[in-house]
């Protein structure tokens, strides 16, 4: 088992970093959604027409 880990250490570390970034991104998006903010990148647009209507439509007022 130790031999396997030592031979694949770089792959294991890179995979862990990529996995952590994905998890952090998901947490960020969930928090933004709960706050009622747009999560599609069209902040400040009217009705999110540029996002094909897929944004959160809660107003910032």
N, C-alpha and C. Protein backbone atom coordinates (compact mmCIF):
# COMPACT_ATOMS: atom_id res chain seq x y z
N UNK A 1 0.82 -1.20 0.00
CA UNK A 1 0.00 0.00 0.00
C UNK A 1 0.87 1.26 0.00
N UNK A 2 1.90 1.28 0.80
CA UNK A 2 2.82 2.42 0.85
C UNK A 2 3.48 2.61 -0.51
N UNK A 3 3.82 1.52 -1.15
CA UNK A 3 4.47 1.60 -2.47
C UNK A 3 3.53 2.24 -3.49
N UNK A 4 2.27 1.85 -3.45
CA UNK A 4 1.28 2.43 -4.37
C UNK A 4 1.17 3.94 -4.15
N UNK A 5 1.08 4.35 -2.89
CA UNK A 5 0.95 5.78 -2.57
C UNK A 5 2.19 6.53 -3.02
N UNK A 6 3.37 5.99 -2.77
CA UNK A 6 4.59 6.70 -3.15
C UNK A 6 4.73 6.80 -4.66
N UNK A 7 4.27 5.80 -5.39
CA UNK A 7 4.36 5.85 -6.85
C UNK A 7 3.34 6.80 -7.47
N UNK A 8 2.24 7.04 -6.77
CA UNK A 8 1.16 7.86 -7.32
C UNK A 8 0.92 9.12 -6.51
N UNK A 9 1.91 9.57 -5.76
CA UNK A 9 1.73 10.71 -4.87
C UNK A 9 1.34 11.98 -5.62
N UNK A 10 1.98 12.25 -6.74
CA UNK A 10 1.66 13.46 -7.50
C UNK A 10 0.20 13.43 -7.98
N UNK A 11 -0.24 12.31 -8.48
CA UNK A 11 -1.62 12.17 -8.96
C UNK A 11 -2.61 12.34 -7.81
N UNK A 12 -2.28 11.78 -6.67
CA UNK A 12 -3.16 11.88 -5.50
C UNK A 12 -3.27 13.33 -5.04
N UNK A 13 -2.16 14.03 -4.99
CA UNK A 13 -2.17 15.44 -4.54
C UNK A 13 -2.94 16.31 -5.53
N UNK A 14 -2.68 16.16 -6.81
CA UNK A 14 -3.38 16.96 -7.82
C UNK A 14 -4.87 16.67 -7.79
N UNK A 15 -5.25 15.42 -7.65
CA UNK A 15 -6.66 15.06 -7.58
C UNK A 15 -7.33 15.67 -6.35
N UNK A 16 -6.64 15.67 -5.23
CA UNK A 16 -7.18 16.26 -4.01
C UNK A 16 -7.39 17.77 -4.16
N UNK A 17 -6.44 18.44 -4.80
CA UNK A 17 -6.57 19.89 -5.01
C UNK A 17 -7.74 20.19 -5.94
N UNK A 18 -7.86 19.44 -7.03
CA UNK A 18 -8.98 19.66 -7.97
C UNK A 18 -10.31 19.39 -7.27
N UNK A 19 -10.38 18.34 -6.50
CA UNK A 19 -11.60 18.01 -5.76
C UNK A 19 -11.96 19.12 -4.78
N UNK A 20 -10.97 19.66 -4.08
CA UNK A 20 -11.21 20.75 -3.12
C UNK A 20 -11.72 22.00 -3.83
N UNK A 21 -11.17 22.32 -4.98
CA UNK A 21 -11.63 23.50 -5.74
C UNK A 21 -13.09 23.31 -6.19
N UNK A 22 -13.43 22.13 -6.63
CA UNK A 22 -14.80 21.86 -7.05
C UNK A 22 -15.76 21.99 -5.87
N UNK A 23 -15.39 21.44 -4.73
CA UNK A 23 -16.24 21.54 -3.54
C UNK A 23 -16.40 22.99 -3.10
N UNK A 24 -15.33 23.76 -3.11
CA UNK A 24 -15.41 25.17 -2.73
C UNK A 24 -16.30 25.95 -3.70
N UNK A 25 -16.23 25.64 -4.98
CA UNK A 25 -17.07 26.30 -5.97
C UNK A 25 -18.55 25.98 -5.73
N UNK A 26 -18.85 24.74 -5.43
CA UNK A 26 -20.24 24.35 -5.16
C UNK A 26 -20.75 25.05 -3.91
N UNK A 27 -19.95 25.12 -2.86
CA UNK A 27 -20.35 25.81 -1.63
C UNK A 27 -20.60 27.29 -1.92
N UNK A 28 -19.74 27.92 -2.70
CA UNK A 28 -19.90 29.32 -3.07
C UNK A 28 -21.22 29.55 -3.81
N UNK A 29 -21.51 28.70 -4.78
CA UNK A 29 -22.74 28.85 -5.56
C UNK A 29 -23.98 28.63 -4.71
N UNK A 30 -23.94 27.67 -3.79
CA UNK A 30 -25.08 27.43 -2.92
C UNK A 30 -25.31 28.62 -2.01
N UNK A 31 -24.26 29.19 -1.46
CA UNK A 31 -24.40 30.37 -0.59
C UNK A 31 -24.97 31.55 -1.36
N UNK A 32 -24.50 31.78 -2.58
CA UNK A 32 -25.02 32.88 -3.40
C UNK A 32 -26.49 32.66 -3.70
N UNK A 33 -26.87 31.44 -4.01
CA UNK A 33 -28.26 31.12 -4.32
C UNK A 33 -29.15 31.37 -3.11
N UNK A 34 -28.67 30.99 -1.91
CA UNK A 34 -29.45 31.21 -0.69
C UNK A 34 -29.60 32.69 -0.38
N UNK A 35 -28.61 33.50 -0.76
CA UNK A 35 -28.67 34.94 -0.54
C UNK A 35 -29.56 35.63 -1.57
N UNK A 36 -29.98 34.90 -2.59
CA UNK A 36 -30.85 35.46 -3.61
C UNK A 36 -30.12 36.24 -4.67
N UNK A 37 -28.84 36.04 -4.79
CA UNK A 37 -28.05 36.77 -5.78
C UNK A 37 -27.98 35.97 -7.07
N UNK A 38 -27.76 36.69 -8.18
CA UNK A 38 -27.60 36.02 -9.47
C UNK A 38 -26.34 35.18 -9.45
N UNK A 39 -26.44 33.97 -9.96
CA UNK A 39 -25.28 33.08 -9.97
C UNK A 39 -24.83 32.75 -11.38
N UNK A 40 -25.43 33.40 -12.37
CA UNK A 40 -25.06 33.06 -13.74
C UNK A 40 -24.12 34.09 -14.36
N UNK A 41 -23.76 35.11 -13.61
CA UNK A 41 -22.80 36.08 -14.12
C UNK A 41 -23.42 37.29 -14.79
N UNK A 42 -24.73 37.45 -14.67
CA UNK A 42 -25.37 38.60 -15.33
C UNK A 42 -25.91 39.56 -14.27
N UNK A 43 -25.08 39.97 -13.37
CA UNK A 43 -25.52 40.83 -12.29
C UNK A 43 -26.03 42.16 -12.83
N UNK A 44 -27.16 42.56 -12.32
CA UNK A 44 -27.71 43.85 -12.67
C UNK A 44 -28.54 43.88 -13.94
N UNK A 45 -28.77 42.77 -14.56
CA UNK A 45 -29.56 42.79 -15.80
C UNK A 45 -31.05 42.71 -15.48
N UNK A 46 -31.88 43.13 -16.40
CA UNK A 46 -33.33 43.09 -16.22
C UNK A 46 -33.88 41.74 -16.62
N UNK A 47 -34.33 40.99 -15.63
CA UNK A 47 -34.96 39.71 -15.91
C UNK A 47 -34.02 38.64 -16.41
N UNK A 48 -32.74 38.89 -16.38
CA UNK A 48 -31.74 37.89 -16.81
C UNK A 48 -31.99 37.41 -18.23
N UNK A 49 -32.39 38.29 -19.12
CA UNK A 49 -32.64 37.87 -20.49
C UNK A 49 -31.37 37.39 -21.18
N UNK A 50 -30.22 37.89 -20.74
CA UNK A 50 -28.96 37.44 -21.33
C UNK A 50 -28.57 36.05 -20.88
N UNK A 51 -29.24 35.54 -19.86
CA UNK A 51 -28.93 34.21 -19.34
C UNK A 51 -30.02 33.22 -19.68
N UNK A 52 -30.83 33.53 -20.64
CA UNK A 52 -31.93 32.66 -21.06
C UNK A 52 -32.90 32.37 -19.92
N UNK A 53 -33.05 33.31 -19.00
CA UNK A 53 -34.00 33.17 -17.91
C UNK A 53 -33.61 32.16 -16.85
N UNK A 54 -32.34 31.79 -16.77
CA UNK A 54 -31.94 30.75 -15.82
C UNK A 54 -31.41 31.33 -14.53
N UNK A 55 -31.32 32.64 -14.39
CA UNK A 55 -30.81 33.25 -13.16
C UNK A 55 -31.87 33.23 -12.07
N UNK A 56 -31.41 33.46 -10.86
CA UNK A 56 -32.31 33.70 -9.77
C UNK A 56 -32.96 35.05 -10.04
N UNK A 57 -34.26 35.14 -9.95
CA UNK A 57 -34.95 36.37 -10.33
C UNK A 57 -35.32 37.22 -9.14
N UNK A 58 -34.75 36.99 -7.97
CA UNK A 58 -35.00 37.82 -6.82
C UNK A 58 -34.36 39.18 -7.04
N UNK A 59 -35.06 40.22 -6.66
CA UNK A 59 -34.52 41.56 -6.85
C UNK A 59 -33.58 41.92 -5.71
N UNK A 60 -32.65 42.82 -5.97
CA UNK A 60 -31.66 43.24 -4.98
C UNK A 60 -32.22 44.32 -4.08
N UNK A 61 -33.42 44.82 -4.33
CA UNK A 61 -34.01 45.90 -3.54
C UNK A 61 -34.47 45.40 -2.24
